[in-house]
Amino acid sequence: MATHAPEVRTAHGVVVEEQIVFTLSALCRASGAQAEQVQALIDEGLLQPTGQRPEDWQFSGSALRSTRTALRLSRDLELGVSGAALVMDLLSEIERLRARLRCR
């Protein structure tokens, strides 16, 4: 009788705590975005840095996820920044509604 070893799967990812703060250059390095792309996400309202000037901007840890998601949507679905923002708003709304259903 043959026995089967359990399948081992390896997941790769980065855990970013909400308390982590990124500068513009750190966010660009971590996400693979160009500064102009991050600026476009700010202009669209997807990212809200603190600070008045780009050299003073600070982003929360959630900005990394938002930036990566927006870049992926733009690349994979060939969306502009506003299209990616709309998709991200809809995905957020779906998640909010699912969470609401789970609480019932």
Protein backbone atom coordinates (compact mmCIF):
# COMPACT_ATOMS: atom_id res chain seq x y z
CA MET A 1 0.00 0.00 0.00
CA ALA A 2 1.49 3.28 -1.09
CA THR A 3 1.34 6.22 1.24
CA HIS A 4 1.22 9.74 -0.03
CA ALA A 5 3.16 12.46 1.68
CA PRO A 6 1.19 15.65 2.19
CA GLU A 7 1.76 18.22 -0.47
CA VAL A 8 3.85 21.11 0.75
CA ARG A 9 3.17 24.49 -0.81
CA THR A 10 5.26 27.55 -0.26
CA ALA A 11 3.70 30.98 -0.26
CA HIS A 12 5.73 34.09 -0.84
CA GLY A 13 4.69 37.50 0.31
CA VAL A 14 5.54 40.52 2.33
CA VAL A 15 3.77 41.44 5.54
CA VAL A 16 3.59 45.16 5.98
CA GLU A 17 2.27 46.45 9.25
CA GLU A 18 0.00 49.44 9.24
CA GLN A 19 2.44 51.25 11.51
CA ILE A 20 5.15 51.27 8.86
CA VAL A 21 5.62 54.61 7.15
CA PHE A 22 7.06 54.97 3.66
CA THR A 23 8.69 57.99 2.10
CA LEU A 24 8.00 58.55 -1.59
CA SER A 25 11.27 56.93 -2.61
CA ALA A 26 10.74 53.97 -0.26
CA LEU A 27 7.22 53.44 -1.60
CA CYS A 28 8.54 53.55 -5.15
CA ARG A 29 11.27 51.01 -4.36
CA ALA A 30 8.88 48.68 -2.51
CA SER A 31 6.11 48.82 -5.12
CA GLY A 32 8.16 49.13 -8.29
CA ALA A 33 6.31 52.33 -9.19
CA GLN A 34 7.79 55.45 -10.71
CA ALA A 35 7.33 58.68 -8.75
CA GLU A 36 5.05 59.95 -11.55
CA GLN A 37 2.80 56.92 -11.12
CA VAL A 38 2.55 57.54 -7.38
CA GLN A 39 1.76 61.19 -8.09
CA ALA A 40 -1.05 60.10 -10.43
CA LEU A 41 -2.46 57.83 -7.70
CA ILE A 42 -2.39 60.77 -5.29
CA ASP A 43 -4.10 63.00 -7.85
CA GLU A 44 -6.80 60.35 -8.29
CA GLY A 45 -7.32 60.12 -4.52
CA LEU A 46 -6.09 56.54 -4.13
CA LEU A 47 -3.19 57.58 -1.91
CA GLN A 48 -3.27 60.25 0.76
CA PRO A 49 0.23 61.08 1.97
CA THR A 50 0.90 63.31 4.91
CA GLY A 51 3.25 66.22 4.33
CA GLN A 52 3.11 69.18 2.00
CA ARG A 53 5.82 68.44 -0.56
CA PRO A 54 6.95 65.22 -2.24
CA GLU A 55 10.18 65.20 -0.26
CA ASP A 56 8.11 65.40 2.96
CA TRP A 57 5.41 62.92 1.99
CA GLN A 58 4.84 59.92 4.20
CA PHE A 59 2.58 57.01 3.30
CA SER A 60 0.98 54.45 5.58
CA GLY A 61 1.72 50.76 5.18
CA SER A 62 -1.58 50.26 3.33
CA ALA A 63 -0.27 52.53 0.56
CA LEU A 64 2.04 49.74 -0.57
CA ARG A 65 -0.87 47.38 -1.16
CA SER A 66 -2.91 50.09 -2.87
CA THR A 67 -0.03 51.07 -5.12
CA ARG A 68 0.74 47.49 -6.12
CA THR A 69 -2.93 46.75 -6.78
CA ALA A 70 -3.38 49.88 -8.90
CA LEU A 71 -0.26 49.10 -10.93
CA ARG A 72 -1.36 45.50 -11.46
CA LEU A 73 -4.86 46.58 -12.56
CA SER A 74 -3.37 49.16 -14.92
CA ARG A 75 -1.00 46.62 -16.44
CA ASP A 76 -3.23 43.53 -16.55
CA LEU A 77 -6.46 45.22 -17.61
CA GLU A 78 -4.82 48.05 -19.51
CA LEU A 79 -6.65 50.60 -17.38
CA GLY A 80 -5.72 54.20 -16.83
CA VAL A 81 -5.32 55.51 -13.32
CA SER A 82 -8.96 56.59 -13.09
CA GLY A 83 -10.11 53.16 -14.29
CA ALA A 84 -7.91 51.45 -11.73
CA ALA A 85 -9.29 53.77 -9.05
CA LEU A 86 -12.85 52.88 -10.02
CA VAL A 87 -12.09 49.13 -9.89
CA MET A 88 -10.41 49.53 -6.53
CA ASP A 89 -13.42 51.45 -5.17
CA LEU A 90 -15.74 48.70 -6.39
CA LEU A 91 -13.54 45.96 -4.91
CA SER A 92 -13.50 47.83 -1.60
CA GLU A 93 -17.27 48.13 -1.64
CA ILE A 94 -17.65 44.40 -2.37
CA GLU A 95 -15.34 43.59 0.54
CA ARG A 96 -17.28 45.93 2.84
CA LEU A 97 -20.57 44.28 1.87
CA ARG A 98 -19.13 40.78 2.33
CA ALA A 99 -17.89 41.74 5.80
CA ARG A 100 -21.34 43.07 6.60
CA LEU A 101 -22.93 39.78 5.53
CA ARG A 102 -20.49 37.79 7.67
CA CYS A 103 -21.53 39.78 10.74
CA ARG A 104 -25.18 38.74 10.36
